[in-house]
Full PDB file with SEQRES, HELIX, SHEET, SSBOND, CRYST1, ORIGX, SCALE, CONECT and MASTER records, all heavy atoms in Angstrom:
SEQRES   1 A   31  SER ASP ALA SER ALA ARG GLY LEU ALA LYS GLY PRO ASP          
SEQRES   2 A   31  ARG PRO LEU ASN ARG ASP ARG ASP ARG ALA PHE VAL LEU          
SEQRES   3 A   31  GLY GLY LEU ALA CYS                                          
HELIX    1 AA1 ASP A    2  ARG A    6  1                                   5    
HELIX    2 AA2 ASP A   19  GLY A   27  1                                   9    
CRYST1    1.000    1.000    1.000  90.00  90.00  90.00 P 1           1          
ORIGX1      1.000000  0.000000  0.000000        0.00000                         
ORIGX2      0.000000  1.000000  0.000000        0.00000                         
ORIGX3      0.000000  0.000000  1.000000        0.00000                         
SCALE1      1.000000  0.000000  0.000000        0.00000                         
SCALE2      0.000000  1.000000  0.000000        0.00000                         
SCALE3      0.000000  0.000000  1.000000        0.00000                         
ATOM      1  N   SER A   1       0.855  -1.179   0.000  1.00  0.00           N  
ATOM      2  CA  SER A   1       0.000   0.000   0.000  1.00  0.00           C  
ATOM      3  C   SER A   1       0.895   1.234   0.000  1.00  0.00           C  
ATOM      4  O   SER A   1       2.115   1.139   0.203  1.00  0.00           O  
ATOM      5  CB  SER A   1      -0.894   0.011   1.248  1.00  0.00           C  
ATOM      6  OG  SER A   1      -0.092   0.221   2.410  1.00  0.00           O  
ATOM      7  N   ASP A   2       0.304   2.388  -0.193  1.00  0.00           N  
ATOM      8  CA  ASP A   2       1.096   3.618  -0.178  1.00  0.00           C  
ATOM      9  C   ASP A   2       1.830   3.780   1.147  1.00  0.00           C  
ATOM     10  O   ASP A   2       3.019   4.104   1.180  1.00  0.00           O  
ATOM     11  CB  ASP A   2       0.199   4.835  -0.437  1.00  0.00           C  
ATOM     12  CG  ASP A   2      -0.319   4.876  -1.863  1.00  0.00           C  
ATOM     13  OD1 ASP A   2       0.243   4.192  -2.742  1.00  0.00           O  
ATOM     14  OD2 ASP A   2      -1.311   5.598  -2.099  1.00  0.00           O  
ATOM     15  N   ALA A   3       1.129   3.545   2.254  1.00  0.00           N  
ATOM     16  CA  ALA A   3       1.753   3.683   3.576  1.00  0.00           C  
ATOM     17  C   ALA A   3       2.899   2.699   3.738  1.00  0.00           C  
ATOM     18  O   ALA A   3       3.973   3.052   4.235  1.00  0.00           O  
ATOM     19  CB  ALA A   3       0.713   3.478   4.667  1.00  0.00           C  
ATOM     20  N   SER A   4       2.702   1.470   3.323  1.00  0.00           N  
ATOM     21  CA  SER A   4       3.743   0.453   3.415  1.00  0.00           C  
ATOM     22  C   SER A   4       4.939   0.831   2.544  1.00  0.00           C  
ATOM     23  O   SER A   4       6.089   0.712   2.971  1.00  0.00           O  
ATOM     24  CB  SER A   4       3.177  -0.899   2.979  1.00  0.00           C  
ATOM     25  OG  SER A   4       4.179  -1.877   2.916  1.00  0.00           O  
ATOM     26  N   ALA A   5       4.676   1.294   1.339  1.00  0.00           N  
ATOM     27  CA  ALA A   5       5.754   1.659   0.411  1.00  0.00           C  
ATOM     28  C   ALA A   5       6.584   2.825   0.956  1.00  0.00           C  
ATOM     29  O   ALA A   5       7.806   2.840   0.803  1.00  0.00           O  
ATOM     30  CB  ALA A   5       5.180   2.015  -0.950  1.00  0.00           C  
ATOM     31  N   ARG A   6       5.930   3.782   1.597  1.00  0.00           N  
ATOM     32  CA  ARG A   6       6.664   4.924   2.156  1.00  0.00           C  
ATOM     33  C   ARG A   6       7.645   4.482   3.233  1.00  0.00           C  
ATOM     34  O   ARG A   6       8.663   5.124   3.460  1.00  0.00           O  
ATOM     35  CB  ARG A   6       5.701   5.969   2.699  1.00  0.00           C  
ATOM     36  CG  ARG A   6       5.088   6.832   1.607  1.00  0.00           C  
ATOM     37  CD  ARG A   6       4.347   8.034   2.174  1.00  0.00           C  
ATOM     38  NE  ARG A   6       3.124   7.650   2.848  1.00  0.00           N  
ATOM     39  CZ  ARG A   6       1.940   7.465   2.250  1.00  0.00           C  
ATOM     40  NH1 ARG A   6       1.839   7.644   0.944  1.00  0.00           N  
ATOM     41  NH2 ARG A   6       0.887   7.115   2.938  1.00  0.00           N  
ATOM     42  N   GLY A   7       7.374   3.380   3.889  1.00  0.00           N  
ATOM     43  CA  GLY A   7       8.260   2.879   4.927  1.00  0.00           C  
ATOM     44  C   GLY A   7       9.457   2.113   4.414  1.00  0.00           C  
ATOM     45  O   GLY A   7      10.277   1.650   5.205  1.00  0.00           O  
ATOM     46  N   LEU A   8       9.602   1.977   3.111  1.00  0.00           N  
ATOM     47  CA  LEU A   8      10.686   1.171   2.536  1.00  0.00           C  
ATOM     48  C   LEU A   8      11.931   1.977   2.165  1.00  0.00           C  
ATOM     49  O   LEU A   8      12.819   1.452   1.515  1.00  0.00           O  
ATOM     50  CB  LEU A   8      10.177   0.413   1.302  1.00  0.00           C  
ATOM     51  CG  LEU A   8       9.082  -0.607   1.575  1.00  0.00           C  
ATOM     52  CD1 LEU A   8       8.616  -1.247   0.268  1.00  0.00           C  
ATOM     53  CD2 LEU A   8       9.557  -1.673   2.551  1.00  0.00           C  
ATOM     54  N   ALA A   9      11.989   3.232   2.533  1.00  0.00           N  
ATOM     55  CA  ALA A   9      13.167   4.073   2.302  1.00  0.00           C  
ATOM     56  C   ALA A   9      13.543   4.184   0.831  1.00  0.00           C  
ATOM     57  O   ALA A   9      14.707   4.172   0.477  1.00  0.00           O  
ATOM     58  CB  ALA A   9      14.350   3.578   3.132  1.00  0.00           C  
ATOM     59  N   LYS A  10      12.554   4.291  -0.035  1.00  0.00           N  
ATOM     60  CA  LYS A  10      12.822   4.477  -1.459  1.00  0.00           C  
ATOM     61  C   LYS A  10      12.936   5.955  -1.815  1.00  0.00           C  
ATOM     62  O   LYS A  10      13.270   6.298  -2.926  1.00  0.00           O  
ATOM     63  CB  LYS A  10      11.732   3.813  -2.299  1.00  0.00           C  
ATOM     64  CG  LYS A  10      11.783   2.296  -2.232  1.00  0.00           C  
ATOM     65  CD  LYS A  10      10.724   1.678  -3.099  1.00  0.00           C  
ATOM     66  CE  LYS A  10      10.825   0.190  -3.126  1.00  0.00           C  
ATOM     67  NZ  LYS A  10      11.829  -0.326  -4.039  1.00  0.00           N  
ATOM     68  N   GLY A  11      12.627   6.806  -0.855  1.00  0.00           N  
ATOM     69  CA  GLY A  11      12.688   8.242  -1.074  1.00  0.00           C  
ATOM     70  C   GLY A  11      11.427   8.901  -0.562  1.00  0.00           C  
ATOM     71  O   GLY A  11      10.377   8.260  -0.490  1.00  0.00           O  
ATOM     72  N   PRO A  12      11.519  10.188  -0.213  1.00  0.00           N  
ATOM     73  CA  PRO A  12      10.385  10.881   0.400  1.00  0.00           C  
ATOM     74  C   PRO A  12       9.184  11.070  -0.526  1.00  0.00           C  
ATOM     75  O   PRO A  12       8.072  11.248  -0.055  1.00  0.00           O  
ATOM     76  CB  PRO A  12      10.974  12.233   0.808  1.00  0.00           C  
ATOM     77  CG  PRO A  12      12.149  12.421  -0.094  1.00  0.00           C  
ATOM     78  CD  PRO A  12      12.677  11.055  -0.365  1.00  0.00           C  
ATOM     79  N   ASP A  13       9.420  11.022  -1.817  1.00  0.00           N  
ATOM     80  CA  ASP A  13       8.325  11.253  -2.762  1.00  0.00           C  
ATOM     81  C   ASP A  13       7.830   9.961  -3.410  1.00  0.00           C  
ATOM     82  O   ASP A  13       7.092   9.991  -4.397  1.00  0.00           O  
ATOM     83  CB  ASP A  13       8.760  12.231  -3.844  1.00  0.00           C  
ATOM     84  CG  ASP A  13      10.001  11.776  -4.600  1.00  0.00           C  
ATOM     85  OD1 ASP A  13      10.660  10.815  -4.144  1.00  0.00           O  
ATOM     86  OD2 ASP A  13      10.319  12.380  -5.621  1.00  0.00           O  
ATOM     87  N   ARG A  14       8.204   8.828  -2.852  1.00  0.00           N  
ATOM     88  CA  ARG A  14       7.777   7.550  -3.406  1.00  0.00           C  
ATOM     89  C   ARG A  14       6.720   6.942  -2.509  1.00  0.00           C  
ATOM     90  O   ARG A  14       6.764   7.131  -1.305  1.00  0.00           O  
ATOM     91  CB  ARG A  14       8.963   6.588  -3.525  1.00  0.00           C  
ATOM     92  CG  ARG A  14      10.092   7.097  -4.409  1.00  0.00           C  
ATOM     93  CD  ARG A  14       9.898   6.860  -5.873  1.00  0.00           C  
ATOM     94  NE  ARG A  14       9.742   5.480  -6.255  1.00  0.00           N  
ATOM     95  CZ  ARG A  14      10.735   4.625  -6.445  1.00  0.00           C  
ATOM     96  NH1 ARG A  14      11.980   4.989  -6.296  1.00  0.00           N  
ATOM     97  NH2 ARG A  14      10.484   3.378  -6.807  1.00  0.00           N  
ATOM     98  N   PRO A  15       5.780   6.229  -3.011  1.00  0.00           N  
ATOM     99  CA  PRO A  15       5.640   5.887  -4.421  1.00  0.00           C  
ATOM    100  C   PRO A  15       5.117   7.071  -5.241  1.00  0.00           C  
ATOM    101  O   PRO A  15       4.422   7.944  -4.721  1.00  0.00           O  
ATOM    102  CB  PRO A  15       4.628   4.745  -4.406  1.00  0.00           C  
ATOM    103  CG  PRO A  15       3.787   5.010  -3.214  1.00  0.00           C  
ATOM    104  CD  PRO A  15       4.711   5.625  -2.201  1.00  0.00           C  
ATOM    105  N   LEU A  16       5.459   7.066  -6.497  1.00  0.00           N  
ATOM    106  CA  LEU A  16       5.010   8.118  -7.396  1.00  0.00           C  
ATOM    107  C   LEU A  16       3.544   7.927  -7.778  1.00  0.00           C  
ATOM    108  O   LEU A  16       2.817   8.892  -7.967  1.00  0.00           O  
ATOM    109  CB  LEU A  16       5.868   8.139  -8.660  1.00  0.00           C  
ATOM    110  CG  LEU A  16       7.351   8.421  -8.434  1.00  0.00           C  
ATOM    111  CD1 LEU A  16       8.142   8.162  -9.698  1.00  0.00           C  
ATOM    112  CD2 LEU A  16       7.562   9.834  -7.942  1.00  0.00           C  
ATOM    113  N   ASN A  17       3.138   6.676  -7.907  1.00  0.00           N  
ATOM    114  CA  ASN A  17       1.756   6.342  -8.258  1.00  0.00           C  
ATOM    115  C   ASN A  17       1.047   5.765  -7.040  1.00  0.00           C  
ATOM    116  O   ASN A  17       1.636   5.004  -6.275  1.00  0.00           O  
ATOM    117  CB  ASN A  17       1.733   5.321  -9.405  1.00  0.00           C  
ATOM    118  CG  ASN A  17       2.163   5.937 -10.705  1.00  0.00           C  
ATOM    119  OD1 ASN A  17       1.517   6.842 -11.209  1.00  0.00           O  
ATOM    120  ND2 ASN A  17       3.263   5.451 -11.259  1.00  0.00           N  
ATOM    121  N   ARG A  18      -0.214   6.112  -6.884  1.00  0.00           N  
ATOM    122  CA  ARG A  18      -1.000   5.618  -5.746  1.00  0.00           C  
ATOM    123  C   ARG A  18      -1.244   4.118  -5.871  1.00  0.00           C  
ATOM    124  O   ARG A  18      -1.234   3.564  -6.976  1.00  0.00           O  
ATOM    125  CB  ARG A  18      -2.331   6.363  -5.670  1.00  0.00           C  
ATOM    126  CG  ARG A  18      -2.137   7.849  -5.344  1.00  0.00           C  
ATOM    127  CD  ARG A  18      -3.450   8.537  -5.283  1.00  0.00           C  
ATOM    128  NE  ARG A  18      -4.226   8.167  -6.479  1.00  0.00           N  
ATOM    129  CZ  ARG A  18      -5.190   8.887  -6.998  1.00  0.00           C  
ATOM    130  NH1 ARG A  18      -5.544  10.008  -6.445  1.00  0.00           N  
ATOM    131  NH2 ARG A  18      -5.839   8.495  -8.075  1.00  0.00           N  
ATOM    132  N   ASP A  19      -1.494   3.485  -4.730  1.00  0.00           N  
ATOM    133  CA  ASP A  19      -1.645   2.033  -4.718  1.00  0.00           C  
ATOM    134  C   ASP A  19      -2.760   1.532  -5.632  1.00  0.00           C  
ATOM    135  O   ASP A  19      -2.586   0.535  -6.338  1.00  0.00           O  
ATOM    136  CB  ASP A  19      -1.798   1.469  -3.303  1.00  0.00           C  
ATOM    137  CG  ASP A  19      -2.826   2.146  -2.436  1.00  0.00           C  
ATOM    138  OD1 ASP A  19      -3.790   2.762  -2.942  1.00  0.00           O  
ATOM    139  OD2 ASP A  19      -2.675   2.048  -1.199  1.00  0.00           O  
ATOM    140  N   ARG A  20      -3.882   2.198  -5.681  1.00  0.00           N  
ATOM    141  CA  ARG A  20      -4.982   1.745  -6.552  1.00  0.00           C  
ATOM    142  C   ARG A  20      -4.595   1.854  -8.024  1.00  0.00           C  
ATOM    143  O   ARG A  20      -4.984   1.016  -8.832  1.00  0.00           O  
ATOM    144  CB  ARG A  20      -6.260   2.550  -6.296  1.00  0.00           C  
ATOM    145  CG  ARG A  20      -6.768   2.459  -4.882  1.00  0.00           C  
ATOM    146  CD  ARG A  20      -7.403   1.134  -4.624  1.00  0.00           C  
ATOM    147  NE  ARG A  20      -7.708   0.993  -3.212  1.00  0.00           N  
ATOM    148  CZ  ARG A  20      -8.519   0.113  -2.719  1.00  0.00           C  
ATOM    149  NH1 ARG A  20      -9.120  -0.744  -3.504  1.00  0.00           N  
ATOM    150  NH2 ARG A  20      -8.728   0.025  -1.435  1.00  0.00           N  
ATOM    151  N   ASP A  21      -3.820   2.862  -8.364  1.00  0.00           N  
ATOM    152  CA  ASP A  21      -3.355   3.017  -9.745  1.00  0.00           C  
ATOM    153  C   ASP A  21      -2.327   1.938 -10.092  1.00  0.00           C  
ATOM    154  O   ASP A  21      -2.355   1.356 -11.183  1.00  0.00           O  
ATOM    155  CB  ASP A  21      -2.755   4.406  -9.964  1.00  0.00           C  
ATOM    156  CG  ASP A  21      -3.776   5.510  -9.789  1.00  0.00           C  
ATOM    157  OD1 ASP A  21      -4.964   5.274 -10.076  1.00  0.00           O  
ATOM    158  OD2 ASP A  21      -3.390   6.609  -9.340  1.00  0.00           O  
ATOM    159  N   ARG A  22      -1.421   1.634  -9.151  1.00  0.00           N  
ATOM    160  CA  ARG A  22      -0.432   0.579  -9.379  1.00  0.00           C  
ATOM    161  C   ARG A  22      -1.127  -0.777  -9.517  1.00  0.00           C  
ATOM    162  O   ARG A  22      -0.758  -1.590 -10.365  1.00  0.00           O  
ATOM    163  CB  ARG A  22       0.596   0.557  -8.245  1.00  0.00           C  
ATOM    164  CG  ARG A  22       1.481   1.812  -8.246  1.00  0.00           C  
ATOM    165  CD  ARG A  22       2.535   1.807  -7.156  1.00  0.00           C  
ATOM    166  NE  ARG A  22       1.964   2.156  -5.864  1.00  0.00           N  
ATOM    167  CZ  ARG A  22       2.006   1.405  -4.775  1.00  0.00           C  
ATOM    168  NH1 ARG A  22       2.623   0.230  -4.792  1.00  0.00           N  
ATOM    169  NH2 ARG A  22       1.471   1.807  -3.638  1.00  0.00           N  
ATOM    170  N   ALA A  23      -2.161  -0.996  -8.693  1.00  0.00           N  
ATOM    171  CA  ALA A  23      -2.921  -2.250  -8.774  1.00  0.00           C  
ATOM    172  C   ALA A  23      -3.629  -2.369 -10.116  1.00  0.00           C  
ATOM    173  O   ALA A  23      -3.677  -3.452 -10.712  1.00  0.00           O  
ATOM    174  CB  ALA A  23      -3.931  -2.322  -7.627  1.00  0.00           C  
ATOM    175  N   PHE A  24      -4.171  -1.274 -10.609  1.00  0.00           N  
ATOM    176  CA  PHE A  24      -4.874  -1.271 -11.892  1.00  0.00           C  
ATOM    177  C   PHE A  24      -3.922  -1.649 -13.026  1.00  0.00           C  
ATOM    178  O   PHE A  24      -4.256  -2.467 -13.885  1.00  0.00           O  
ATOM    179  CB  PHE A  24      -5.490   0.114 -12.132  1.00  0.00           C  
ATOM    180  CG  PHE A  24      -6.382   0.187 -13.327  1.00  0.00           C  
ATOM    181  CD1 PHE A  24      -7.737  -0.098 -13.219  1.00  0.00           C  
ATOM    182  CD2 PHE A  24      -5.885   0.558 -14.565  1.00  0.00           C  
ATOM    183  CE1 PHE A  24      -8.574  -0.029 -14.325  1.00  0.00           C  
ATOM    184  CE2 PHE A  24      -6.713   0.636 -15.681  1.00  0.00           C  
ATOM    185  CZ  PHE A  24      -8.064   0.341 -15.558  1.00  0.00           C  
ATOM    186  N   VAL A  25      -2.727  -1.070 -13.021  1.00  0.00           N  
ATOM    187  CA  VAL A  25      -1.742  -1.360 -14.069  1.00  0.00           C  
ATOM    188  C   VAL A  25      -1.316  -2.831 -13.997  1.00  0.00           C  
ATOM    189  O   VAL A  25      -1.270  -3.521 -15.023  1.00  0.00           O  
ATOM    190  CB  VAL A  25      -0.521  -0.416 -13.958  1.00  0.00           C  
ATOM    191  CG1 VAL A  25       0.599  -0.848 -14.888  1.00  0.00           C  
ATOM    192  CG2 VAL A  25      -0.941   1.021 -14.270  1.00  0.00           C  
ATOM    193  N   LEU A  26      -1.035  -3.329 -12.803  1.00  0.00           N  
ATOM    194  CA  LEU A  26      -0.682  -4.744 -12.661  1.00  0.00           C  
ATOM    195  C   LEU A  26      -1.825  -5.640 -13.130  1.00  0.00           C  
ATOM    196  O   LEU A  26      -1.600  -6.664 -13.775  1.00  0.00           O  
ATOM    197  CB  LEU A  26      -0.336  -5.072 -11.208  1.00  0.00           C  
ATOM    198  CG  LEU A  26       1.025  -4.597 -10.716  1.00  0.00           C  
ATOM    199  CD1 LEU A  26       1.097  -4.697  -9.196  1.00  0.00           C  
ATOM    200  CD2 LEU A  26       2.143  -5.390 -11.368  1.00  0.00           C  
ATOM    201  N   GLY A  27      -3.044  -5.252 -12.805  1.00  0.00           N  
ATOM    202  CA  GLY A  27      -4.219  -6.025 -13.203  1.00  0.00           C  
ATOM    203  C   GLY A  27      -4.410  -6.087 -14.702  1.00  0.00           C  
ATOM    204  O   GLY A  27      -5.108  -6.966 -15.208  1.00  0.00           O  
ATOM    205  N   GLY A  28      -3.799  -5.189 -15.427  1.00  0.00           N  
ATOM    206  CA  GLY A  28      -3.881  -5.197 -16.884  1.00  0.00           C  
ATOM    207  C   GLY A  28      -2.993  -6.231 -17.540  1.00  0.00           C  
ATOM    208  O   GLY A  28      -3.107  -6.480 -18.738  1.00  0.00           O  
ATOM    209  N   LEU A  29      -2.128  -6.855 -16.763  1.00  0.00           N  
ATOM    210  CA  LEU A  29      -1.231  -7.874 -17.306  1.00  0.00           C  
ATOM    211  C   LEU A  29      -1.910  -9.240 -17.284  1.00  0.00           C  
ATOM    212  O   LEU A  29      -2.443  -9.661 -16.251  1.00  0.00           O  
ATOM    213  CB  LEU A  29       0.062  -7.944 -16.489  1.00  0.00           C  
ATOM    214  CG  LEU A  29       0.924  -6.684 -16.457  1.00  0.00           C  
ATOM    215  CD1 LEU A  29       2.114  -6.884 -15.518  1.00  0.00           C  
ATOM    216  CD2 LEU A  29       1.411  -6.329 -17.858  1.00  0.00           C  
ATOM    217  N   ALA A  30      -1.860  -9.947 -18.386  1.00  0.00           N  
ATOM    218  CA  ALA A  30      -2.479 -11.272 -18.475  1.00  0.00           C  
ATOM    219  C   ALA A  30      -1.837 -12.259 -17.513  1.00  0.00           C  
ATOM    220  O   ALA A  30      -2.509 -13.173 -17.018  1.00  0.00           O  
ATOM    221  CB  ALA A  30      -2.384 -11.798 -19.906  1.00  0.00           C  
ATOM    222  N   CYS A  31      -0.564 -12.093 -17.206  1.00  0.00           N  
ATOM    223  CA  CYS A  31       0.131 -13.039 -16.326  1.00  0.00           C  
ATOM    224  C   CYS A  31      -0.234 -12.868 -14.856  1.00  0.00           C  
ATOM    225  O   CYS A  31       0.029 -13.748 -14.045  1.00  0.00           O  
ATOM    226  CB  CYS A  31       1.644 -12.932 -16.512  1.00  0.00           C  
ATOM    227  SG  CYS A  31       2.331 -11.320 -16.115  1.00  0.00           S  
TER     228      CYS A  31                                                      
MASTER        0    0    0    2    0    0    0    6  227    1    0    3          
END                                                                             
């Protein structure tokens, strides 16, 4: 989730895309 991702020390402005948007893009993959 966004909160979980912020805790991973990837940078103060990460994630760049919100969790629902990232889920939507992943969901577009047939695999």
